[in-house]
């Protein structure tokens, strides 16, 4: 008898492509709703935006915390996956780094509703900061190293330092319409360049 890989200890079967696509649409709709209305956005609005029934959301994400965690992880994964793709496709490592930092700023500025939820005492959120660092610091480090090796930026900055600096420049961006986080991050990146 052939081993089908469905015995104890074998990995869970991969989701069908259409199920993954539907879940991605649902997570994008939830992310948009969270940005527009905060993490307390009505589930029926998220379902309508995703083109699914409310029951579909609860089948995938039994609690709001499950949905918030999934959206956060989905956004972190998109940012992590973008780094190597940008490095492969950009005309220079410096361009890849700049574009990735722009995506990172988008993530930081638009997750303000998530940030409040993540600071709650809900145990579902406890490991997300470590997950964020584990996934994004190596990507940023790879981009920084490539740009430094190409002679475009200083080589004495660490990925976590840069990410913290960018994060600090993004704080409050949604509260003060006259504050331009992107401009400030641009100035930071200009300071990294070798002249």
N, C-alpha and C. Protein backbone atom coordinates (compact mmCIF):
# COMPACT_ATOMS: atom_id res chain seq x y z
N UNK A 1 0.85 -1.18 0.00
CA UNK A 1 0.00 0.00 0.00
C UNK A 1 0.89 1.24 0.00
N UNK A 2 0.57 2.21 -0.81
CA UNK A 2 1.36 3.45 -0.92
C UNK A 2 1.09 4.35 0.27
N UNK A 3 2.12 5.06 0.70
CA UNK A 3 1.98 6.03 1.79
C UNK A 3 1.43 7.32 1.22
N UNK A 4 0.28 7.72 1.69
CA UNK A 4 -0.36 8.94 1.18
C UNK A 4 0.03 10.16 1.97
N UNK A 5 0.83 9.96 3.04
CA UNK A 5 1.26 11.12 3.83
C UNK A 5 0.17 11.66 4.72
N UNK A 6 -0.84 10.84 5.01
CA UNK A 6 -1.93 11.36 5.84
C UNK A 6 -1.95 10.75 7.22
N UNK A 7 -0.87 10.06 7.58
CA UNK A 7 -0.81 9.44 8.89
C UNK A 7 -0.50 10.44 9.98
N UNK A 8 -0.46 9.95 11.23
CA UNK A 8 -0.15 10.85 12.34
C UNK A 8 1.22 11.48 12.16
N UNK A 9 1.31 12.73 12.49
CA UNK A 9 2.58 13.44 12.43
C UNK A 9 2.88 14.03 11.06
N UNK A 10 2.09 13.69 10.04
CA UNK A 10 2.35 14.29 8.73
C UNK A 10 1.72 15.67 8.68
N UNK A 11 2.29 16.55 7.84
CA UNK A 11 1.77 17.91 7.79
C UNK A 11 0.33 17.95 7.30
N UNK A 12 -0.36 19.00 7.72
CA UNK A 12 -1.74 19.18 7.28
C UNK A 12 -1.75 19.40 5.77
N UNK A 13 -2.78 18.91 5.08
CA UNK A 13 -2.83 19.12 3.63
C UNK A 13 -2.90 20.61 3.31
N UNK A 14 -2.26 20.98 2.21
CA UNK A 14 -2.28 22.39 1.79
C UNK A 14 -3.68 22.76 1.33
N UNK A 15 -4.05 23.99 1.61
CA UNK A 15 -5.36 24.46 1.17
C UNK A 15 -5.41 24.50 -0.34
N UNK A 16 -6.56 24.26 -0.87
CA UNK A 16 -6.75 24.40 -2.31
C UNK A 16 -6.47 25.84 -2.71
N UNK A 17 -6.07 26.02 -3.94
CA UNK A 17 -5.72 27.36 -4.43
C UNK A 17 -6.90 28.32 -4.29
N UNK A 18 -8.11 27.86 -4.59
CA UNK A 18 -9.26 28.76 -4.49
C UNK A 18 -9.58 29.10 -3.04
N UNK A 19 -9.36 28.16 -2.11
CA UNK A 19 -9.58 28.45 -0.69
C UNK A 19 -8.56 29.46 -0.18
N UNK A 20 -7.29 29.32 -0.62
CA UNK A 20 -6.25 30.30 -0.23
C UNK A 20 -6.59 31.67 -0.80
N UNK A 21 -7.01 31.71 -2.04
CA UNK A 21 -7.37 32.98 -2.68
C UNK A 21 -8.54 33.64 -1.95
N UNK A 22 -9.56 32.85 -1.60
CA UNK A 22 -10.71 33.39 -0.88
C UNK A 22 -10.31 33.92 0.49
N UNK A 23 -9.42 33.19 1.17
CA UNK A 23 -8.97 33.66 2.47
C UNK A 23 -8.17 34.95 2.32
N UNK A 24 -7.36 35.05 1.27
CA UNK A 24 -6.59 36.28 1.04
C UNK A 24 -7.53 37.46 0.77
N UNK A 25 -8.57 37.25 -0.01
CA UNK A 25 -9.56 38.31 -0.27
C UNK A 25 -10.21 38.74 1.03
N UNK A 26 -10.55 37.77 1.86
CA UNK A 26 -11.17 38.06 3.15
C UNK A 26 -10.22 38.86 4.05
N UNK A 27 -8.94 38.48 4.09
CA UNK A 27 -7.97 39.19 4.92
C UNK A 27 -7.73 40.61 4.40
N UNK A 28 -7.70 40.78 3.09
CA UNK A 28 -7.54 42.13 2.52
C UNK A 28 -8.76 43.00 2.86
N UNK A 29 -9.94 42.42 2.78
CA UNK A 29 -11.16 43.17 3.13
C UNK A 29 -11.16 43.55 4.60
N UNK A 30 -10.74 42.62 5.46
CA UNK A 30 -10.67 42.91 6.89
C UNK A 30 -9.64 43.99 7.17
N UNK A 31 -8.49 43.91 6.52
CA UNK A 31 -7.45 44.93 6.72
C UNK A 31 -7.97 46.31 6.32
N UNK A 32 -8.65 46.39 5.18
CA UNK A 32 -9.20 47.67 4.73
C UNK A 32 -10.24 48.20 5.72
N UNK A 33 -11.07 47.30 6.23
CA UNK A 33 -12.09 47.70 7.21
C UNK A 33 -11.44 48.17 8.49
N UNK A 34 -10.37 47.50 8.92
CA UNK A 34 -9.69 47.89 10.15
C UNK A 34 -9.04 49.27 9.99
N UNK A 35 -8.49 49.54 8.81
CA UNK A 35 -7.88 50.85 8.57
C UNK A 35 -8.96 51.93 8.59
N UNK A 36 -10.08 51.66 7.95
CA UNK A 36 -11.15 52.66 7.85
C UNK A 36 -11.91 52.86 9.16
N UNK A 37 -12.18 51.76 9.88
CA UNK A 37 -13.08 51.84 11.03
C UNK A 37 -12.51 51.28 12.33
N UNK A 38 -11.28 50.82 12.31
CA UNK A 38 -10.71 50.20 13.51
C UNK A 38 -11.05 48.73 13.57
N UNK A 39 -10.46 48.03 14.52
CA UNK A 39 -10.63 46.58 14.61
C UNK A 39 -12.02 46.17 15.08
N UNK A 40 -12.83 47.13 15.47
CA UNK A 40 -14.20 46.82 15.86
C UNK A 40 -15.17 46.96 14.69
N UNK A 41 -14.64 47.06 13.46
CA UNK A 41 -15.50 47.16 12.27
C UNK A 41 -16.47 45.98 12.26
N UNK A 42 -17.72 46.22 11.91
CA UNK A 42 -18.70 45.13 11.90
C UNK A 42 -18.30 44.00 10.95
N UNK A 43 -18.45 42.77 11.41
CA UNK A 43 -18.10 41.61 10.60
C UNK A 43 -18.94 41.59 9.33
N UNK A 44 -20.18 42.04 9.40
CA UNK A 44 -21.03 42.03 8.20
C UNK A 44 -20.46 42.95 7.12
N UNK A 45 -19.82 44.07 7.53
CA UNK A 45 -19.19 44.96 6.56
C UNK A 45 -17.98 44.31 5.90
N UNK A 46 -17.20 43.58 6.71
CA UNK A 46 -16.04 42.87 6.18
C UNK A 46 -16.50 41.79 5.20
N UNK A 47 -17.53 41.06 5.59
CA UNK A 47 -18.06 39.99 4.73
C UNK A 47 -18.56 40.56 3.41
N UNK A 48 -19.29 41.68 3.48
CA UNK A 48 -19.81 42.29 2.25
C UNK A 48 -18.67 42.73 1.35
N UNK A 49 -17.66 43.35 1.93
CA UNK A 49 -16.51 43.82 1.14
C UNK A 49 -15.78 42.64 0.49
N UNK A 50 -15.73 41.51 1.18
CA UNK A 50 -15.04 40.32 0.66
C UNK A 50 -15.93 39.51 -0.28
N UNK A 51 -17.23 39.81 -0.28
CA UNK A 51 -18.15 39.05 -1.12
C UNK A 51 -18.45 37.66 -0.58
N UNK A 52 -18.45 37.53 0.74
CA UNK A 52 -18.75 36.25 1.38
C UNK A 52 -19.81 36.46 2.45
N UNK A 53 -20.33 35.38 2.95
CA UNK A 53 -21.29 35.46 4.05
C UNK A 53 -20.57 35.61 5.38
N UNK A 54 -21.28 36.13 6.36
CA UNK A 54 -20.72 36.29 7.70
C UNK A 54 -20.26 34.94 8.26
N UNK A 55 -21.03 33.90 7.97
CA UNK A 55 -20.67 32.56 8.45
C UNK A 55 -19.30 32.10 7.94
N UNK A 56 -18.95 32.53 6.74
CA UNK A 56 -17.64 32.16 6.18
C UNK A 56 -16.52 32.75 7.02
N UNK A 57 -16.70 33.99 7.45
CA UNK A 57 -15.67 34.62 8.29
C UNK A 57 -15.54 33.86 9.60
N UNK A 58 -16.68 33.55 10.23
CA UNK A 58 -16.62 32.85 11.52
C UNK A 58 -16.11 31.41 11.37
N UNK A 59 -16.31 30.82 10.22
CA UNK A 59 -15.79 29.47 9.99
C UNK A 59 -14.25 29.50 9.96
N UNK A 60 -13.69 30.53 9.33
CA UNK A 60 -12.23 30.67 9.26
C UNK A 60 -11.65 31.27 10.53
N UNK A 61 -12.38 32.22 11.12
CA UNK A 61 -11.88 32.98 12.27
C UNK A 61 -12.97 33.05 13.33
N UNK A 62 -13.00 32.07 14.24
CA UNK A 62 -14.09 31.98 15.22
C UNK A 62 -14.23 33.21 16.13
N UNK A 63 -13.14 33.93 16.38
CA UNK A 63 -13.22 35.12 17.22
C UNK A 63 -12.63 36.32 16.48
N UNK A 64 -12.96 37.50 16.95
CA UNK A 64 -12.38 38.71 16.37
C UNK A 64 -10.86 38.71 16.55
N UNK A 65 -10.40 38.23 17.69
CA UNK A 65 -8.95 38.15 17.92
C UNK A 65 -8.28 37.27 16.87
N UNK A 66 -8.92 36.16 16.49
CA UNK A 66 -8.37 35.30 15.45
C UNK A 66 -8.24 36.06 14.13
N UNK A 67 -9.24 36.87 13.82
CA UNK A 67 -9.22 37.65 12.58
C UNK A 67 -8.13 38.72 12.63
N UNK A 68 -8.01 39.41 13.76
CA UNK A 68 -6.99 40.45 13.91
C UNK A 68 -5.60 39.84 13.76
N UNK A 69 -5.37 38.71 14.41
CA UNK A 69 -4.06 38.04 14.31
C UNK A 69 -3.79 37.63 12.87
N UNK A 70 -4.79 37.09 12.19
CA UNK A 70 -4.61 36.64 10.81
C UNK A 70 -4.29 37.82 9.89
N UNK A 71 -4.97 38.94 10.08
CA UNK A 71 -4.71 40.13 9.25
C UNK A 71 -3.29 40.62 9.50
N UNK A 72 -2.91 40.71 10.75
CA UNK A 72 -1.57 41.18 11.10
C UNK A 72 -0.50 40.26 10.47
N UNK A 73 -0.67 38.95 10.64
CA UNK A 73 0.29 38.00 10.09
C UNK A 73 0.33 38.09 8.56
N UNK A 74 -0.82 38.24 7.95
CA UNK A 74 -0.90 38.35 6.49
C UNK A 74 -0.13 39.58 6.00
N UNK A 75 -0.27 40.69 6.71
CA UNK A 75 0.44 41.90 6.31
C UNK A 75 1.94 41.77 6.55
N UNK A 76 2.33 41.13 7.64
CA UNK A 76 3.76 40.89 7.90
C UNK A 76 4.33 40.00 6.79
N UNK A 77 3.62 38.95 6.44
CA UNK A 77 4.09 38.05 5.39
C UNK A 77 4.24 38.77 4.05
N UNK A 78 3.29 39.63 3.72
CA UNK A 78 3.39 40.38 2.45
C UNK A 78 4.64 41.25 2.46
N UNK A 79 4.92 41.88 3.56
CA UNK A 79 6.10 42.74 3.68
C UNK A 79 7.37 41.89 3.62
N UNK A 80 7.38 40.75 4.28
CA UNK A 80 8.55 39.86 4.27
C UNK A 80 8.83 39.32 2.87
N UNK A 81 7.78 38.91 2.17
CA UNK A 81 7.95 38.35 0.84
C UNK A 81 8.36 39.40 -0.18
N UNK A 82 8.02 40.64 0.06
CA UNK A 82 8.36 41.71 -0.88
C UNK A 82 9.86 41.97 -0.94
N UNK A 83 10.57 41.79 0.18
CA UNK A 83 12.00 42.10 0.21
C UNK A 83 12.80 41.37 -0.85
N UNK A 84 12.80 40.02 -0.83
CA UNK A 84 13.56 39.29 -1.84
C UNK A 84 13.08 39.58 -3.27
N UNK A 85 11.77 39.75 -3.45
CA UNK A 85 11.24 40.05 -4.78
C UNK A 85 11.76 41.39 -5.28
N UNK A 86 11.77 42.38 -4.42
CA UNK A 86 12.27 43.70 -4.81
C UNK A 86 13.77 43.63 -5.12
N UNK A 87 14.50 42.90 -4.32
CA UNK A 87 15.94 42.77 -4.53
C UNK A 87 16.23 42.11 -5.88
N UNK A 88 15.40 41.15 -6.25
CA UNK A 88 15.59 40.45 -7.53
C UNK A 88 15.19 41.31 -8.72
N UNK A 89 14.19 42.18 -8.54
CA UNK A 89 13.63 42.92 -9.68
C UNK A 89 14.09 44.37 -9.82
N UNK A 90 14.57 44.98 -8.76
CA UNK A 90 14.91 46.41 -8.79
C UNK A 90 16.22 46.62 -9.56
N UNK A 91 16.41 47.84 -10.05
CA UNK A 91 17.62 48.15 -10.81
C UNK A 91 18.86 48.24 -9.94
N UNK A 92 18.67 48.37 -8.62
CA UNK A 92 19.81 48.40 -7.69
C UNK A 92 19.35 47.97 -6.30
N UNK A 93 20.28 47.48 -5.48
CA UNK A 93 19.90 47.14 -4.11
C UNK A 93 19.39 48.35 -3.33
N UNK A 94 19.91 49.53 -3.63
CA UNK A 94 19.43 50.74 -2.94
C UNK A 94 17.97 51.01 -3.29
N UNK A 95 17.62 50.85 -4.55
CA UNK A 95 16.23 51.03 -4.97
C UNK A 95 15.34 50.01 -4.27
N UNK A 96 15.81 48.76 -4.19
CA UNK A 96 15.03 47.71 -3.50
C UNK A 96 14.82 48.08 -2.04
N UNK A 97 15.87 48.54 -1.37
CA UNK A 97 15.76 48.94 0.03
C UNK A 97 14.76 50.08 0.19
N UNK A 98 14.87 51.09 -0.66
CA UNK A 98 13.97 52.25 -0.58
C UNK A 98 12.52 51.83 -0.78
N UNK A 99 12.28 50.98 -1.76
CA UNK A 99 10.90 50.52 -2.02
C UNK A 99 10.38 49.67 -0.87
N UNK A 100 11.26 48.84 -0.29
CA UNK A 100 10.82 48.01 0.83
C UNK A 100 10.49 48.88 2.04
N UNK A 101 11.31 49.87 2.31
CA UNK A 101 11.03 50.77 3.43
C UNK A 101 9.71 51.48 3.20
N UNK A 102 9.40 51.82 1.96
CA UNK A 102 8.11 52.45 1.64
C UNK A 102 6.96 51.50 1.99
N UNK A 103 7.10 50.21 1.66
CA UNK A 103 6.08 49.22 2.04
C UNK A 103 5.99 49.07 3.56
N UNK A 104 7.13 49.10 4.21
CA UNK A 104 7.18 48.99 5.67
C UNK A 104 6.45 50.19 6.30
N UNK A 105 6.66 51.38 5.75
CA UNK A 105 5.94 52.57 6.24
C UNK A 105 4.44 52.37 6.06
N UNK A 106 4.03 51.89 4.88
CA UNK A 106 2.60 51.62 4.66
C UNK A 106 2.07 50.69 5.75
N UNK A 107 2.80 49.63 6.03
CA UNK A 107 2.39 48.68 7.05
C UNK A 107 2.25 49.37 8.40
N UNK A 108 3.26 50.14 8.78
CA UNK A 108 3.24 50.79 10.10
C UNK A 108 2.14 51.84 10.21
N UNK A 109 1.96 52.64 9.17
CA UNK A 109 0.98 53.72 9.23
C UNK A 109 -0.43 53.18 9.19
N UNK A 110 -0.66 52.12 8.40
CA UNK A 110 -2.03 51.62 8.27
C UNK A 110 -2.42 50.63 9.35
N UNK A 111 -1.49 50.15 10.15
CA UNK A 111 -1.87 49.18 11.18
C UNK A 111 -2.21 49.85 12.51
N UNK A 112 -2.45 51.17 12.50
CA UNK A 112 -2.69 51.84 13.77
C UNK A 112 -3.88 51.25 14.53
N UNK A 113 -4.90 50.82 13.84
CA UNK A 113 -6.03 50.18 14.53
C UNK A 113 -5.63 48.84 15.12
N UNK A 114 -4.77 48.13 14.40
CA UNK A 114 -4.29 46.86 14.92
C UNK A 114 -3.41 47.07 16.14
N UNK A 115 -2.63 48.12 16.13
CA UNK A 115 -1.70 48.38 17.24
C UNK A 115 -2.44 48.48 18.56
N UNK A 116 -3.57 49.16 18.57
CA UNK A 116 -4.34 49.29 19.80
C UNK A 116 -4.83 47.93 20.28
N UNK A 117 -5.33 47.13 19.35
CA UNK A 117 -5.81 45.80 19.72
C UNK A 117 -4.67 44.94 20.23
N UNK A 118 -3.51 45.05 19.60
CA UNK A 118 -2.38 44.22 19.97
C UNK A 118 -1.84 44.54 21.35
N UNK A 119 -2.16 45.73 21.87
CA UNK A 119 -1.70 46.11 23.20
C UNK A 119 -2.66 45.65 24.30
N UNK A 120 -3.73 44.97 23.90
CA UNK A 120 -4.67 44.47 24.90
C UNK A 120 -4.07 43.27 25.62
N UNK A 121 -4.79 42.76 26.59
CA UNK A 121 -4.32 41.61 27.37
C UNK A 121 -4.69 40.28 26.73
N UNK A 122 -5.26 40.30 25.53
CA UNK A 122 -5.68 39.07 24.87
C UNK A 122 -4.47 38.19 24.59
N UNK A 123 -4.48 36.96 25.05
CA UNK A 123 -3.35 36.04 24.88
C UNK A 123 -3.06 35.73 23.42
N UNK A 124 -4.06 35.87 22.56
CA UNK A 124 -3.85 35.60 21.14
C UNK A 124 -2.81 36.52 20.53
N UNK A 125 -2.58 37.69 21.14
CA UNK A 125 -1.66 38.67 20.58
C UNK A 125 -0.25 38.59 21.15
N UNK A 126 -0.05 37.74 22.14
CA UNK A 126 1.20 37.72 22.90
C UNK A 126 2.45 37.49 22.06
N UNK A 127 2.39 36.66 21.05
CA UNK A 127 3.58 36.31 20.28
C UNK A 127 3.77 37.12 19.01
N UNK A 128 2.87 38.05 18.73
CA UNK A 128 2.93 38.74 17.44
C UNK A 128 4.13 39.66 17.28
N UNK A 129 4.59 40.31 18.35
CA UNK A 129 5.74 41.20 18.21
C UNK A 129 6.99 40.39 17.85
N UNK A 130 7.17 39.26 18.50
CA UNK A 130 8.31 38.40 18.18
C UNK A 130 8.21 37.89 16.74
N UNK A 131 7.01 37.54 16.32
CA UNK A 131 6.77 37.10 14.94
C UNK A 131 7.15 38.20 13.95
N UNK A 132 6.72 39.41 14.23
CA UNK A 132 7.03 40.59 13.41
C UNK A 132 8.55 40.73 13.26
N UNK A 133 9.27 40.68 14.38
CA UNK A 133 10.73 40.83 14.34
C UNK A 133 11.40 39.65 13.63
N UNK A 134 10.95 38.44 13.93
CA UNK A 134 11.55 37.24 13.32
C UNK A 134 11.41 37.24 11.80
N UNK A 135 10.30 37.76 11.30
CA UNK A 135 10.06 37.75 9.85
C UNK A 135 10.68 38.95 9.15
N UNK A 136 10.65 40.14 9.77
CA UNK A 136 11.04 41.34 9.04
C UNK A 136 12.49 41.79 9.25
N UNK A 137 13.07 41.55 10.40
CA UNK A 137 14.45 41.98 10.63
C UNK A 137 15.41 41.32 9.62
N UNK A 138 15.31 39.99 9.38
CA UNK A 138 16.22 39.39 8.40
C UNK A 138 16.04 39.95 6.98
N UNK A 139 14.81 40.28 6.62
CA UNK A 139 14.56 40.85 5.29
C UNK A 139 15.22 42.22 5.18
N UNK A 140 15.02 43.04 6.19
CA UNK A 140 15.64 44.37 6.19
C UNK A 140 17.16 44.24 6.18
N UNK A 141 17.70 43.29 6.94
CA UNK A 141 19.15 43.08 7.00
C UNK A 141 19.70 42.69 5.63
N UNK A 142 19.00 41.82 4.93
CA UNK A 142 19.44 41.41 3.59
C UNK A 142 19.48 42.60 2.63
N UNK A 143 18.45 43.44 2.69
CA UNK A 143 18.40 44.62 1.83
C UNK A 143 19.50 45.62 2.20
N UNK A 144 19.69 45.86 3.49
CA UNK A 144 20.76 46.76 3.93
C UNK A 144 22.13 46.25 3.50
N UNK A 145 22.38 44.97 3.70
CA UNK A 145 23.68 44.38 3.33
C UNK A 145 23.93 44.52 1.83
N UNK A 146 22.91 44.25 1.03
CA UNK A 146 23.07 44.35 -0.43
C UNK A 146 23.38 45.78 -0.84
N UNK A 147 22.67 46.74 -0.26
CA UNK A 147 22.90 48.15 -0.61
C UNK A 147 24.28 48.61 -0.14
N UNK A 148 24.73 48.13 1.02
CA UNK A 148 26.06 48.50 1.53
C UNK A 148 27.15 47.88 0.66
N UNK A 149 26.97 46.60 0.28
CA UNK A 149 27.95 45.95 -0.60
C UNK A 149 28.06 46.65 -1.95
N UNK A 150 26.95 47.22 -2.40
CA UNK A 150 26.95 47.95 -3.68
C UNK A 150 27.56 49.34 -3.53
N UNK A 151 27.92 49.71 -2.29
CA UNK A 151 28.55 51.00 -2.06
C UNK A 151 27.60 52.18 -2.09
N UNK A 152 26.31 51.92 -1.88
CA UNK A 152 25.31 52.98 -1.96
C UNK A 152 24.95 53.59 -0.61
N UNK A 153 25.11 52.81 0.48
CA UNK A 153 24.75 53.31 1.81
C UNK A 153 25.84 52.97 2.80
N UNK A 154 25.77 53.62 3.95
CA UNK A 154 26.69 53.31 5.05
C UNK A 154 26.52 51.85 5.46
N UNK A 155 27.58 51.28 5.97
CA UNK A 155 27.51 49.88 6.37
C UNK A 155 27.41 49.71 7.89
N UNK A 156 27.28 50.80 8.61
CA UNK A 156 27.31 50.72 10.08
C UNK A 156 25.93 50.80 10.73
N UNK A 157 24.87 50.52 9.97
CA UNK A 157 23.53 50.52 10.56
C UNK A 157 22.98 49.11 10.56
N UNK A 158 22.35 48.74 11.65
CA UNK A 158 21.75 47.42 11.80
C UNK A 158 20.27 47.50 11.40
N UNK A 159 19.74 46.37 10.94
CA UNK A 159 18.35 46.32 10.49
C UNK A 159 17.38 46.76 11.58
N UNK A 160 17.55 46.24 12.78
CA UNK A 160 16.62 46.58 13.86
C UNK A 160 16.69 48.08 14.19
N UNK A 161 17.88 48.66 14.12
CA UNK A 161 18.02 50.11 14.36
C UNK A 161 17.22 50.89 13.32
N UNK A 162 17.36 50.51 12.06
CA UNK A 162 16.65 51.21 10.99
C UNK A 162 15.14 51.04 11.15
N UNK A 163 14.71 49.83 11.43
CA UNK A 163 13.27 49.58 11.59
C UNK A 163 12.70 50.36 12.77
N UNK A 164 13.44 50.44 13.86
CA UNK A 164 12.97 51.23 15.01
C UNK A 164 12.91 52.72 14.66
N UNK A 165 13.91 53.20 13.95
CA UNK A 165 13.93 54.61 13.55
C UNK A 165 12.73 54.91 12.66
N UNK A 166 12.48 54.05 11.69
CA UNK A 166 11.33 54.24 10.79
C UNK A 166 10.04 54.18 11.61
N UNK A 167 9.95 53.20 12.50
CA UNK A 167 8.75 53.07 13.34
C UNK A 167 8.50 54.31 14.18
N UNK A 168 9.56 54.84 14.77
CA UNK A 168 9.40 56.04 15.59
C UNK A 168 8.97 57.24 14.76
N UNK A 169 9.43 57.32 13.53
CA UNK A 169 9.02 58.42 12.65
C UNK A 169 7.56 58.28 12.20
N UNK A 170 7.04 57.07 12.26
CA UNK A 170 5.65 56.83 11.84
C UNK A 170 4.64 57.01 12.96
N UNK A 171 5.12 57.09 14.20
CA UNK A 171 4.20 57.24 15.33
C UNK A 171 3.42 58.54 15.19
N UNK A 172 2.14 58.44 15.33
CA UNK A 172 1.30 59.64 15.30
C UNK A 172 0.97 60.14 13.92
N UNK A 173 1.39 59.42 12.88
CA UNK A 173 1.14 59.90 11.52
C UNK A 173 -0.35 60.05 11.24
N UNK A 174 -1.17 59.20 11.82
CA UNK A 174 -2.61 59.28 11.57
C UNK A 174 -3.32 60.33 12.41
N UNK A 175 -2.64 60.88 13.42
CA UNK A 175 -3.29 61.82 14.33
C UNK A 175 -3.07 63.28 13.95
N UNK A 176 -2.04 63.55 13.17
CA UNK A 176 -1.72 64.93 12.80
C UNK A 176 -1.62 65.03 11.29
N UNK A 177 -2.64 65.59 10.63
CA UNK A 177 -2.62 65.63 9.17
C UNK A 177 -1.48 66.46 8.59
N UNK A 178 -0.86 67.31 9.39
CA UNK A 178 0.25 68.11 8.87
C UNK A 178 1.58 67.38 8.98
N UNK A 179 1.60 66.24 9.68
CA UNK A 179 2.84 65.48 9.83
C UNK A 179 2.98 64.51 8.67
N UNK A 180 4.11 64.55 7.99
CA UNK A 180 4.35 63.70 6.83
C UNK A 180 5.43 62.67 7.18
N UNK A 181 4.99 61.49 7.60
CA UNK A 181 5.92 60.44 8.00
C UNK A 181 6.82 60.04 6.85
N UNK A 182 6.27 59.99 5.64
CA UNK A 182 7.07 59.59 4.48
C UNK A 182 8.22 60.56 4.22
N UNK A 183 7.96 61.83 4.40
CA UNK A 183 9.02 62.83 4.20
C UNK A 183 10.12 62.62 5.23
N UNK A 184 9.73 62.40 6.46
CA UNK A 184 10.72 62.19 7.52
C UNK A 184 11.53 60.91 7.28
N UNK A 185 10.87 59.85 6.85
CA UNK A 185 11.58 58.60 6.55
C UNK A 185 12.51 58.82 5.35
N UNK A 186 12.07 59.60 4.38
CA UNK A 186 12.93 59.93 3.24
C UNK A 186 14.20 60.64 3.67
N UNK A 187 14.07 61.56 4.64
CA UNK A 187 15.25 62.24 5.16
C UNK A 187 16.18 61.27 5.87
N UNK A 188 15.59 60.34 6.61
CA UNK A 188 16.39 59.32 7.29
C UNK A 188 17.18 58.49 6.27
N UNK A 189 16.49 58.05 5.22
CA UNK A 189 17.15 57.24 4.19
C UNK A 189 18.22 58.03 3.45
N UNK A 190 17.97 59.32 3.24
CA UNK A 190 18.99 60.16 2.59
C UNK A 190 20.25 60.22 3.44
N UNK A 191 20.09 60.19 4.74
CA UNK A 191 21.23 60.22 5.64
C UNK A 191 22.06 58.95 5.61
N UNK A 192 21.50 57.86 5.10
CA UNK A 192 22.24 56.60 4.98
C UNK A 192 23.14 56.55 3.74
N UNK A 193 22.80 57.37 2.73
CA UNK A 193 23.52 57.31 1.46
C UNK A 193 24.97 57.76 1.61
N UNK A 194 25.82 57.13 0.85
CA UNK A 194 27.20 57.57 0.74
C UNK A 194 27.26 58.62 -0.35
N UNK A 195 27.93 59.72 -0.10
CA UNK A 195 27.94 60.80 -1.10
C UNK A 195 29.19 60.78 -1.92
